[in-house]
Protein backbone atom coordinates (compact mmCIF):
# COMPACT_ATOMS: atom_id res chain seq x y z
CA MET A 1 -28.22 -19.06 -51.22
CA SER A 2 -27.06 -20.69 -47.97
CA PRO A 3 -28.74 -23.99 -47.19
CA TRP A 4 -29.70 -22.70 -43.75
CA ARG A 5 -31.91 -20.11 -45.44
CA ARG A 6 -33.93 -22.84 -47.12
CA GLU A 7 -34.17 -24.78 -43.87
CA GLN A 8 -34.62 -21.79 -41.59
CA GLY A 9 -38.42 -21.88 -41.67
CA PRO A 10 -39.03 -25.43 -40.39
CA ARG A 11 -35.94 -25.41 -38.19
CA PHE A 12 -36.94 -22.10 -36.65
CA LEU A 13 -40.44 -23.40 -35.91
CA LEU A 14 -38.99 -26.55 -34.37
CA ARG A 15 -36.66 -24.53 -32.14
CA LEU A 16 -39.44 -22.09 -31.23
CA CYS A 17 -41.85 -24.88 -30.26
CA ALA A 18 -39.15 -26.61 -28.22
CA ASP A 19 -38.32 -23.36 -26.39
CA LEU A 20 -41.97 -22.64 -25.61
CA ALA A 21 -42.43 -26.22 -24.41
CA ALA A 22 -39.37 -25.85 -22.17
CA ALA A 23 -40.81 -22.70 -20.58
CA TRP A 24 -44.23 -24.27 -20.02
CA THR A 25 -42.75 -27.48 -18.62
CA ALA A 26 -40.35 -25.59 -16.35
CA LEU A 27 -43.12 -23.34 -15.01
CA THR A 28 -45.46 -26.26 -14.40
CA GLY A 29 -42.67 -28.30 -12.83
CA ALA A 30 -41.68 -25.44 -10.53
CA PHE A 31 -45.23 -25.14 -9.17
CA LEU A 32 -45.62 -28.89 -8.74
CA LEU A 33 -42.32 -29.15 -6.88
CA ARG A 34 -43.32 -26.41 -4.47
CA ILE A 35 -46.76 -27.92 -3.90
CA HIS A 36 -45.65 -31.53 -3.35
CA LEU A 37 -42.00 -31.47 -2.19
CA PRO A 38 -40.22 -29.50 0.52
CA VAL A 39 -37.64 -27.15 -0.97
CA PRO A 40 -34.60 -25.93 1.02
CA PHE A 41 -34.91 -22.44 2.56
CA THR A 42 -38.72 -22.55 2.42
CA GLU A 43 -40.99 -22.87 5.46
CA ARG A 44 -43.87 -24.92 4.06
CA LEU A 45 -45.41 -26.32 0.92
CA LEU A 46 -47.43 -24.14 -1.39
CA PRO A 47 -51.19 -24.71 -1.22
CA PRO A 48 -52.61 -26.39 -4.35
CA ASP A 49 -54.74 -23.36 -5.18
CA ARG A 50 -51.55 -21.53 -6.14
CA LEU A 51 -51.80 -23.36 -9.47
CA ASP A 52 -54.19 -20.55 -10.37
CA PHE A 53 -51.05 -18.48 -10.99
CA LEU A 54 -50.06 -20.94 -13.69
CA ALA A 55 -53.32 -20.46 -15.58
CA ARG A 56 -53.04 -16.67 -15.28
CA ASP A 57 -49.36 -15.94 -15.87
CA TRP A 58 -48.17 -18.35 -18.54
CA ILE A 59 -48.44 -15.81 -21.40
CA PRO A 60 -45.77 -13.34 -20.12
CA VAL A 61 -43.51 -16.27 -19.29
CA LEU A 62 -43.68 -17.65 -22.82
CA LEU A 63 -43.27 -14.20 -24.41
CA LEU A 64 -40.23 -13.41 -22.28
CA GLN A 65 -38.75 -16.82 -23.08
CA VAL A 66 -38.78 -16.02 -26.79
CA ALA A 67 -37.62 -12.41 -26.27
CA ALA A 68 -34.67 -13.42 -24.08
CA LEU A 69 -33.49 -16.12 -26.49
CA TYR A 70 -33.86 -13.73 -29.42
CA PHE A 71 -31.79 -10.98 -27.83
CA PHE A 72 -29.08 -13.46 -26.86
CA GLY A 73 -28.78 -14.64 -30.46
CA PHE A 74 -30.41 -18.09 -30.29
CA TYR A 75 -32.62 -17.41 -33.31
CA ASP A 76 -29.76 -16.18 -35.47
CA PRO A 77 -28.51 -18.26 -38.41
CA PRO A 78 -26.85 -21.39 -36.98
CA ARG A 79 -23.10 -21.29 -36.52
CA PRO A 80 -20.75 -23.62 -34.67
CA ARG A 81 -20.44 -22.94 -30.95
CA LEU A 82 -18.69 -24.79 -28.16
CA ALA A 83 -20.99 -26.45 -25.65
CA ALA A 84 -19.56 -24.24 -22.90
CA GLU A 85 -20.47 -21.11 -24.85
CA VAL A 86 -24.02 -22.37 -25.44
CA VAL A 87 -24.49 -23.07 -21.73
CA ARG A 88 -22.99 -19.69 -20.75
CA ARG A 89 -25.26 -17.75 -23.08
CA LEU A 90 -28.34 -19.77 -22.11
CA ALA A 91 -27.57 -19.06 -18.45
CA ALA A 92 -27.36 -15.33 -19.19
CA ALA A 93 -30.62 -15.47 -21.18
CA THR A 94 -32.54 -17.32 -18.44
CA VAL A 95 -31.25 -14.99 -15.72
CA ALA A 96 -32.25 -11.95 -17.82
CA GLN A 97 -35.66 -13.50 -18.39
CA THR A 98 -36.18 -14.15 -14.68
CA VAL A 99 -35.16 -10.59 -13.78
CA ALA A 100 -37.62 -9.30 -16.39
CA LEU A 101 -40.37 -11.47 -14.88
CA MET A 102 -39.63 -10.14 -11.39
CA SER A 103 -39.75 -6.58 -12.74
CA PHE A 104 -43.05 -7.31 -14.50
CA TYR A 105 -44.69 -8.63 -11.31
CA PHE A 106 -43.30 -5.74 -9.25
CA LEU A 107 -44.38 -2.98 -11.64
CA PHE A 108 -47.89 -4.40 -11.98
CA ALA A 109 -48.17 -5.16 -8.23
CA ARG A 110 -48.86 -8.84 -8.84
CA SER A 111 -47.84 -11.42 -6.26
CA PHE A 112 -45.88 -14.45 -7.42
CA PRO A 113 -43.99 -17.03 -5.31
CA ARG A 114 -40.30 -16.11 -5.45
CA SER A 115 -39.25 -19.70 -4.78
CA VAL A 116 -41.21 -20.76 -7.89
CA LEU A 117 -39.31 -18.20 -9.95
CA LEU A 118 -35.99 -19.59 -8.74
CA LEU A 119 -37.04 -23.16 -9.49
CA TYR A 120 -38.33 -22.03 -12.88
CA LEU A 121 -34.95 -20.49 -13.69
CA LEU A 122 -33.09 -23.73 -12.86
CA LEU A 123 -35.52 -26.06 -14.62
CA ASN A 124 -35.78 -23.82 -17.67
CA LEU A 125 -31.99 -23.60 -17.97
CA ALA A 126 -31.64 -27.37 -17.72
CA LEU A 127 -34.31 -28.03 -20.35
CA LEU A 128 -32.96 -25.40 -22.74
CA CYS A 129 -29.39 -26.71 -22.44
CA ALA A 130 -30.48 -30.28 -23.05
CA GLY A 131 -32.67 -29.33 -26.00
CA ARG A 132 -30.19 -26.99 -27.69
CA LEU A 133 -27.20 -29.29 -27.36
CA ALA A 134 -29.19 -32.27 -28.61
CA PHE A 135 -30.56 -30.27 -31.53
CA ASP A 136 -27.09 -29.04 -32.54
CA ARG A 137 -25.82 -32.63 -32.67
CA THR A 138 -28.62 -33.87 -34.87
CA VAL A 139 -28.67 -31.02 -37.38
CA ARG A 140 -27.04 -31.91 -40.69
CA ARG A 141 -26.56 -29.35 -43.40
CA ARG A 142 -26.44 -30.24 -47.06
CA GLU A 143 -23.34 -28.81 -48.65
CA ARG A 144 -23.69 -26.81 -51.86
CA ARG A 145 -20.89 -26.28 -54.37
CA VAL A 146 -20.36 -22.80 -55.75
CA ALA A 147 -18.40 -21.56 -58.76
CA LEU A 148 -16.84 -18.12 -58.59
CA VAL A 149 -17.12 -16.04 -61.76
CA GLY A 150 -13.99 -13.93 -61.63
CA GLY A 151 -10.47 -14.63 -60.48
CA GLY A 152 -9.49 -11.30 -58.95
CA GLU A 153 -9.36 -9.80 -55.48
CA ALA A 154 -13.13 -9.99 -54.89
CA ALA A 155 -13.25 -13.70 -55.79
CA ARG A 156 -10.36 -14.44 -53.43
CA GLU A 157 -12.08 -12.55 -50.63
CA ILE A 158 -15.25 -14.62 -51.09
CA ALA A 159 -13.33 -17.92 -51.36
CA GLU A 160 -11.36 -17.26 -48.18
CA ALA A 161 -14.54 -16.29 -46.31
CA LEU A 162 -16.31 -19.49 -47.37
CA ARG A 163 -13.36 -21.67 -46.39
CA SER A 164 -12.96 -20.05 -42.97
CA HIS A 165 -16.72 -20.22 -42.28
CA ALA A 166 -17.60 -23.68 -43.54
CA TRP A 167 -20.77 -23.74 -41.39
CA HIS A 168 -22.48 -21.74 -44.15
CA GLY A 169 -22.61 -25.02 -46.07
CA LEU A 170 -20.98 -23.61 -49.22
CA ARG A 171 -17.86 -25.13 -50.79
CA VAL A 172 -15.87 -23.53 -53.60
CA ALA A 173 -15.79 -25.93 -56.56
CA GLY A 174 -13.54 -23.66 -58.64
CA TYR A 175 -13.58 -20.46 -60.62
CA VAL A 176 -14.23 -19.16 -64.10
CA PRO A 177 -12.08 -16.20 -65.21
CA LEU A 178 -13.61 -13.10 -66.71
CA PRO A 179 -12.77 -12.22 -70.35
CA GLN A 180 -10.05 -9.78 -69.27
CA GLU A 181 -8.46 -12.36 -66.96
CA PRO A 182 -6.12 -15.17 -68.08
CA ALA A 183 -7.35 -18.77 -67.87
CA PHE A 184 -5.05 -21.40 -66.42
CA MET A 185 -6.71 -24.64 -67.43
CA GLU A 186 -3.45 -26.56 -67.48
CA ARG A 187 -2.07 -25.27 -64.19
CA ALA A 188 -2.48 -26.83 -60.77
CA PRO A 189 -5.57 -25.57 -58.88
CA ASP A 190 -5.19 -22.17 -57.28
CA PRO A 191 -4.69 -22.60 -53.50
CA VAL A 192 -7.52 -20.16 -52.79
CA LEU A 193 -9.85 -20.31 -55.80
CA GLY A 194 -9.46 -23.98 -56.65
CA PRO A 195 -9.33 -25.26 -60.24
CA CYS A 196 -10.16 -23.19 -63.29
CA LEU A 197 -13.42 -24.73 -64.53
CA GLY A 198 -13.39 -23.22 -68.01
CA SER A 199 -14.66 -20.07 -69.66
CA LEU A 200 -17.90 -18.14 -69.43
CA GLN A 201 -19.16 -20.01 -72.48
CA ASP A 202 -18.69 -23.31 -70.59
CA LEU A 203 -20.92 -22.34 -67.66
CA PRO A 204 -24.26 -23.65 -69.05
CA HIS A 205 -22.66 -27.02 -69.81
CA LEU A 206 -20.93 -27.21 -66.41
CA LEU A 207 -24.12 -26.34 -64.57
CA ALA A 208 -26.18 -28.87 -66.56
CA ASN A 209 -23.65 -31.60 -65.71
CA GLY A 210 -23.77 -30.90 -61.98
CA VAL A 211 -20.21 -29.59 -61.57
CA PHE A 212 -21.56 -26.95 -59.17
CA ASP A 213 -24.88 -25.82 -57.72
CA ASP A 214 -24.63 -22.03 -57.47
CA LEU A 215 -22.80 -19.13 -59.09
CA ILE A 216 -21.23 -16.16 -57.31
CA LEU A 217 -20.38 -13.22 -59.55
CA ALA A 218 -17.22 -11.55 -58.25
CA ASP A 219 -15.95 -8.81 -60.53
CA SER A 220 -13.41 -6.65 -58.71
CA GLN A 221 -12.93 -4.18 -61.55
CA GLU A 222 -13.73 -0.55 -60.75
CA SER A 223 -16.39 0.67 -63.19
CA TRP A 224 -16.77 4.11 -64.72
CA GLN A 225 -20.15 4.35 -62.94
CA THR A 226 -18.43 4.03 -59.56
CA ARG A 227 -15.84 6.65 -60.50
CA LEU A 228 -18.64 8.99 -61.58
CA LEU A 229 -20.52 8.59 -58.27
CA ASP A 230 -17.27 9.26 -56.41
CA GLY A 231 -16.87 12.49 -58.34
CA LEU A 232 -20.45 13.58 -57.67
CA ALA A 233 -20.39 12.78 -53.93
CA GLY A 234 -20.32 15.91 -51.82
CA THR A 235 -21.17 18.22 -54.71
CA ARG A 236 -24.56 16.78 -55.76
CA PRO A 237 -27.52 19.04 -54.83
CA ASP A 238 -30.27 17.53 -52.68
CA HIS A 239 -32.76 17.55 -55.54
CA THR A 240 -30.50 15.49 -57.85
CA ASN A 241 -31.36 11.89 -58.76
CA VAL A 242 -29.14 9.46 -60.68
CA LEU A 243 -30.99 7.06 -63.00
CA LEU A 244 -29.82 4.03 -64.95
CA LEU A 245 -31.23 2.40 -68.07
CA PRO A 246 -30.85 -1.28 -67.07
CA GLY A 247 -29.86 -4.26 -69.12
CA PRO A 248 -31.30 -7.76 -68.48
CA TYR A 249 -28.87 -8.38 -65.59
CA GLU A 250 -29.75 -5.20 -63.68
CA SER A 251 -33.47 -5.78 -64.30
CA LEU A 252 -33.28 -9.12 -62.45
CA ILE A 253 -31.96 -7.53 -59.25
CA GLY A 254 -34.89 -7.31 -56.83
CA ARG A 255 -36.21 -4.53 -54.59
CA MET A 256 -35.28 -1.58 -56.75
CA ARG A 257 -37.19 1.57 -57.57
CA TYR A 258 -38.02 2.41 -61.18
CA ARG A 259 -39.16 5.41 -63.15
CA TRP A 260 -40.64 5.12 -66.60
CA VAL A 261 -39.87 7.47 -69.47
CA HIS A 262 -42.45 6.40 -72.05
CA ASP A 263 -41.64 2.67 -72.30
CA LEU A 264 -38.08 2.83 -70.91
CA PRO A 265 -37.61 1.65 -67.27
CA LEU A 266 -34.94 3.67 -65.44
CA ILE A 267 -33.51 2.40 -62.14
CA GLU A 268 -33.21 5.02 -59.41
CA VAL A 269 -29.60 4.53 -58.34
CA VAL A 270 -29.52 7.57 -56.04
CA ARG A 271 -32.64 9.12 -54.53
CA GLU A 272 -31.20 12.08 -52.64
CA SER A 273 -34.49 13.94 -52.80
CA GLU A 274 -36.16 11.10 -50.87
CA TRP A 275 -33.56 11.40 -48.12
CA ARG A 276 -34.27 15.13 -47.94
CA ILE A 277 -37.95 14.35 -47.32
CA ASN A 278 -37.26 11.62 -44.72
CA ARG A 279 -34.54 13.38 -42.73
CA PRO A 280 -37.02 15.10 -40.35
CA LEU A 281 -38.52 11.68 -39.49
CA LYS A 282 -35.06 10.19 -38.92
CA ARG A 283 -34.08 13.21 -36.81
CA LEU A 284 -37.22 12.78 -34.69
CA LEU A 285 -36.23 9.15 -34.03
CA ASP A 286 -32.71 10.29 -33.12
CA VAL A 287 -33.86 12.94 -30.64
CA THR A 288 -36.55 10.87 -28.92
CA GLY A 289 -34.63 7.60 -28.99
CA GLY A 290 -31.34 9.22 -28.03
CA ALA A 291 -32.89 11.05 -25.06
CA VAL A 292 -34.63 7.91 -23.76
CA LEU A 293 -31.51 5.77 -24.17
CA LEU A 294 -29.32 8.37 -22.46
CA LEU A 295 -31.67 8.57 -19.47
CA LEU A 296 -31.91 4.78 -19.17
CA SER A 297 -28.16 4.35 -19.46
CA LEU A 298 -27.20 7.00 -16.86
CA PRO A 299 -26.70 4.46 -14.01
CA VAL A 300 -24.54 2.25 -16.24
CA LEU A 301 -22.66 5.29 -17.53
CA GLY A 302 -21.97 6.42 -13.97
CA LEU A 303 -20.59 3.03 -12.93
CA ALA A 304 -18.49 2.76 -16.10
CA ALA A 305 -17.08 6.27 -15.62
CA LEU A 306 -16.24 5.50 -11.99
CA SER A 307 -14.42 2.32 -13.01
CA VAL A 308 -12.33 4.31 -15.51
CA ARG A 309 -11.47 6.90 -12.86
CA LEU A 310 -10.46 4.30 -10.25
CA THR A 311 -8.40 2.01 -12.47
CA SER A 312 -6.23 4.40 -14.50
CA PRO A 313 -4.94 7.97 -14.28
CA GLY A 314 -6.26 10.52 -16.72
CA PRO A 315 -9.59 11.95 -17.88
CA VAL A 316 -12.74 9.82 -17.89
CA LEU A 317 -13.95 11.10 -21.26
CA TYR A 318 -11.93 10.81 -24.44
CA THR A 319 -12.54 13.10 -27.40
CA GLN A 320 -11.51 12.43 -30.96
CA VAL A 321 -12.01 14.17 -34.31
CA ARG A 322 -14.11 12.14 -36.74
CA ILE A 323 -15.51 12.87 -40.20
CA GLY A 324 -19.27 13.24 -40.56
CA ARG A 325 -21.86 14.06 -43.19
CA GLY A 326 -20.51 16.09 -46.08
CA ARG A 327 -16.98 15.21 -44.91
CA ARG A 328 -17.27 17.78 -42.12
CA PRO A 329 -15.18 17.06 -39.00
CA PHE A 330 -16.81 16.86 -35.56
CA THR A 331 -15.79 15.91 -32.02
CA LEU A 332 -16.78 12.41 -30.91
CA TYR A 333 -17.12 11.53 -27.20
CA LYS A 334 -16.19 8.18 -25.64
CA LEU A 335 -15.28 6.76 -22.28
CA ARG A 336 -11.50 6.38 -22.22
CA THR A 337 -10.50 2.73 -22.64
CA MET A 338 -6.78 3.19 -23.35
CA GLN A 339 -3.79 4.70 -21.58
CA VAL A 340 -3.49 8.47 -21.85
CA ASP A 341 -0.42 8.23 -24.09
CA ALA A 342 -1.83 5.41 -26.26
CA GLU A 343 -1.25 7.46 -29.41
CA ALA A 344 1.75 9.54 -28.40
CA GLY A 345 2.84 9.61 -32.05
CA ALA A 346 0.98 11.26 -34.90
CA VAL A 347 0.10 7.97 -36.62
CA GLU A 348 -3.51 6.78 -36.31
CA VAL A 349 -3.68 3.12 -35.27
CA LEU A 350 -6.75 0.86 -35.19
CA ALA A 351 -7.43 -1.03 -31.96
CA GLN A 352 -6.59 -4.73 -32.12
CA PRO A 353 -7.76 -7.76 -30.05
CA GLY A 354 -5.68 -7.92 -26.87
CA ASP A 355 -4.35 -4.41 -27.47
CA ALA A 356 -1.65 -3.63 -24.86
CA ARG A 357 -2.79 0.01 -24.74
CA LEU A 358 -6.11 -0.89 -23.07
CA THR A 359 -6.69 0.05 -19.45
CA PRO A 360 -7.64 -2.67 -16.90
CA VAL A 361 -11.36 -2.14 -17.59
CA GLY A 362 -10.97 -0.95 -21.19
CA ALA A 363 -11.40 -4.38 -22.77
CA PHE A 364 -14.63 -4.97 -20.79
CA LEU A 365 -16.06 -1.58 -21.75
CA ARG A 366 -15.28 -2.19 -25.42
CA ARG A 367 -16.63 -5.73 -25.34
CA TYR A 368 -20.06 -4.53 -24.27
CA ARG A 369 -19.86 -1.17 -26.14
CA LEU A 370 -20.22 0.74 -22.87
CA ASP A 371 -17.48 3.16 -23.94
CA GLU A 372 -19.79 4.43 -26.70
CA ILE A 373 -22.64 5.58 -24.42
CA PRO A 374 -21.41 9.23 -24.44
CA GLN A 375 -21.96 9.27 -28.21
CA LEU A 376 -25.66 9.60 -27.42
CA TRP A 377 -24.79 13.25 -26.77
CA ASN A 378 -23.40 13.42 -30.31
CA VAL A 379 -26.77 12.08 -31.49
CA LEU A 380 -28.71 14.71 -29.54
CA GLU A 381 -26.55 17.58 -30.77
CA GLY A 382 -26.97 16.43 -34.38
CA SER A 383 -23.42 15.47 -35.37
CA MET A 384 -24.43 11.78 -35.36
CA SER A 385 -27.52 9.63 -35.83
CA LEU A 386 -28.60 6.50 -33.97
CA VAL A 387 -28.17 4.49 -37.18
CA GLY A 388 -25.77 5.18 -40.03
CA PRO A 389 -22.21 4.51 -41.20
CA ARG A 390 -19.72 4.49 -38.34
CA PRO A 391 -17.60 7.68 -38.33
CA GLU A 392 -13.92 7.31 -39.22
CA ARG A 393 -10.88 9.37 -38.32
CA PRO A 394 -9.50 11.90 -40.84
CA GLY A 395 -6.37 9.91 -41.72
CA PHE A 396 -8.31 6.73 -42.42
CA VAL A 397 -10.89 8.65 -44.46
CA GLN A 398 -8.19 10.04 -46.74
CA GLN A 399 -6.69 6.57 -47.13
CA TYR A 400 -10.01 4.88 -47.91
CA LEU A 401 -11.04 7.59 -50.37
CA GLN A 402 -7.94 6.67 -52.38
CA GLU A 403 -8.21 2.89 -52.01
CA VAL A 404 -11.94 2.03 -51.90
CA PRO A 405 -14.09 2.85 -54.96
CA GLY A 406 -17.38 4.52 -54.03
CA TYR A 407 -16.24 5.41 -50.50
CA ALA A 408 -17.17 9.08 -50.88
CA GLU A 409 -20.88 8.21 -51.22
CA ARG A 410 -21.12 7.15 -47.55
CA PHE A 411 -20.77 10.79 -46.48
CA SER A 412 -24.23 11.52 -47.90
CA LEU A 413 -25.54 10.39 -44.48
CA PRO A 414 -24.79 11.44 -40.91
CA PRO A 415 -22.61 8.85 -39.14
CA GLY A 416 -24.32 6.49 -36.75
CA LEU A 417 -23.92 4.99 -33.31
CA THR A 418 -24.60 1.65 -35.00
CA GLY A 419 -25.26 0.57 -38.55
CA LEU A 420 -26.03 -2.22 -40.97
CA ALA A 421 -22.33 -3.11 -41.23
CA GLN A 422 -22.09 -3.43 -37.44
CA VAL A 423 -25.05 -5.81 -37.05
CA ASN A 424 -24.18 -7.96 -40.08
CA GLY A 425 -20.42 -7.78 -40.48
CA ASP A 426 -17.47 -8.43 -38.18
CA TYR A 427 -15.72 -5.75 -36.14
CA HIS A 428 -12.54 -6.13 -38.17
CA SER A 429 -14.25 -6.40 -41.57
CA THR A 430 -12.51 -4.58 -44.41
CA PRO A 431 -13.52 -0.98 -45.31
CA ARG A 432 -14.57 -2.24 -48.75
CA ASN A 433 -16.94 -4.78 -47.25
CA LYS A 434 -18.37 -2.30 -44.72
CA LEU A 435 -19.04 0.09 -47.59
CA ARG A 436 -21.25 -2.54 -49.27
CA TYR A 437 -23.50 -2.57 -46.20
CA GLU A 438 -23.45 1.22 -45.89
CA LEU A 439 -24.52 1.77 -49.49
CA ALA A 440 -27.22 -0.90 -49.13
CA TYR A 441 -28.51 1.03 -46.09
CA LEU A 442 -28.42 4.28 -48.07
CA ALA A 443 -30.47 2.73 -50.87
CA ASN A 444 -33.01 0.91 -48.68
CA TRP A 445 -33.53 3.18 -45.68
CA SER A 446 -36.82 3.07 -43.84
CA LEU A 447 -37.92 3.74 -40.27
CA TRP A 448 -38.46 0.00 -39.79
CA LEU A 449 -34.93 -0.73 -40.99
CA ASP A 450 -33.56 1.67 -38.35
CA LEU A 451 -35.65 0.03 -35.62
CA SER A 452 -34.54 -3.42 -36.78
CA ILE A 453 -30.87 -2.40 -36.66
CA LEU A 454 -31.31 -0.97 -33.16
CA LEU A 455 -32.91 -4.19 -31.92
CA ARG A 456 -30.15 -6.28 -33.47
CA THR A 457 -27.58 -4.00 -31.86
CA VAL A 458 -29.04 -4.90 -28.46
CA LYS A 459 -28.43 -8.56 -29.31
CA ILE A 460 -24.82 -7.84 -30.25
CA VAL A 461 -24.21 -5.96 -27.01
CA LEU A 462 -25.75 -8.74 -24.91
CA THR A 463 -23.79 -11.48 -26.69
CA SER A 464 -20.59 -9.35 -26.97
CA ARG A 465 -20.27 -10.42 -30.60
CA GLY A 466 -17.78 -8.84 -32.96
CA VAL A 467 -14.85 -8.20 -30.61
């Protein structure tokens, strides 16, 4: 739908080619500078035969250029950023790339001039900054007008999101009420939804006359199907499937699984038996991945724990009761990021940006998700998975079960260290919106989806997005 999606292919190739050219130019320039010009803190010029390194080692340099920019979010959908933020993130990406190159040469016992690496870092950073900032100034996005079908809570949520994130290139042209909603053709435009464009019967005429480009269907009514799934959640045996005889609208929705009963196509809404088959594979990924990640993160965990101990009184680890698969409670482990008496009362309170309860290092640990490293033990013991819905506290679970239709279905899965909602949504996204991602993950799980979410989580940690 978004214009960037239509332009992403050619724009991505243009950015990729420019980034590869920057790496090649910086590497070549670094060698030429060391061969022909004296560089401070070096004893003599490099001999010309050192250009043989260039012919031999350009492939890892180009690969690490792309990998570093990917993990620091420079191939994500375009969004507005201040020039200072672009430069800061490019500096972090180039430093990470240079460290990776040094590690590569050390591990494979290959000699490489250190002064060339330093020059490469500086030249590469300069070229990337110039190219990215120039590209951002020249990019122009074509705006598309959308009409919202529905005038309720869901439509307002979409309209507010589009207005506050105009870089998506979508502008609300107005709304069309559903049959059960009143139409206000004569009233002034709604401050959030815009003008009422007419009725459902008017949509073909409005679209043909260019009043808007796209439609967004936003029905906030709770259906009987959702209430039924809520009632079945937690009591449905593993072998149970839920099937739907679709109408034309459901049949147009892509990437769904069907069963045929004679000549009737039935959509598989819930495939619990498939999850039963795939759980051993997911558990294998959790055990092997969790063990490797825990071993690799031990030095960082040690430093983070020491910083907690030295900067605030109280225990280093913080335990909390969360609700897991089948609505069973379990104990979650974290590094303590708040004062010991942060929740002296019995009321559960969500953390907020700039929370006064944070310790001196608490904000830093949360920003880079370092406080969640101990949850790898939860993964190894089986109360959590690497990927799944984030576990909530008992009080919030009871509240959301009452307020959010379909919320009970998320407890069909073990909770995760990260999830689809965390890599796509915002940290403070609503429970209703997070549930959309969680149910999409439930319906589309695959091993590759888990690996993709884990890789995207690395990007989020490196760019400290979402806090």
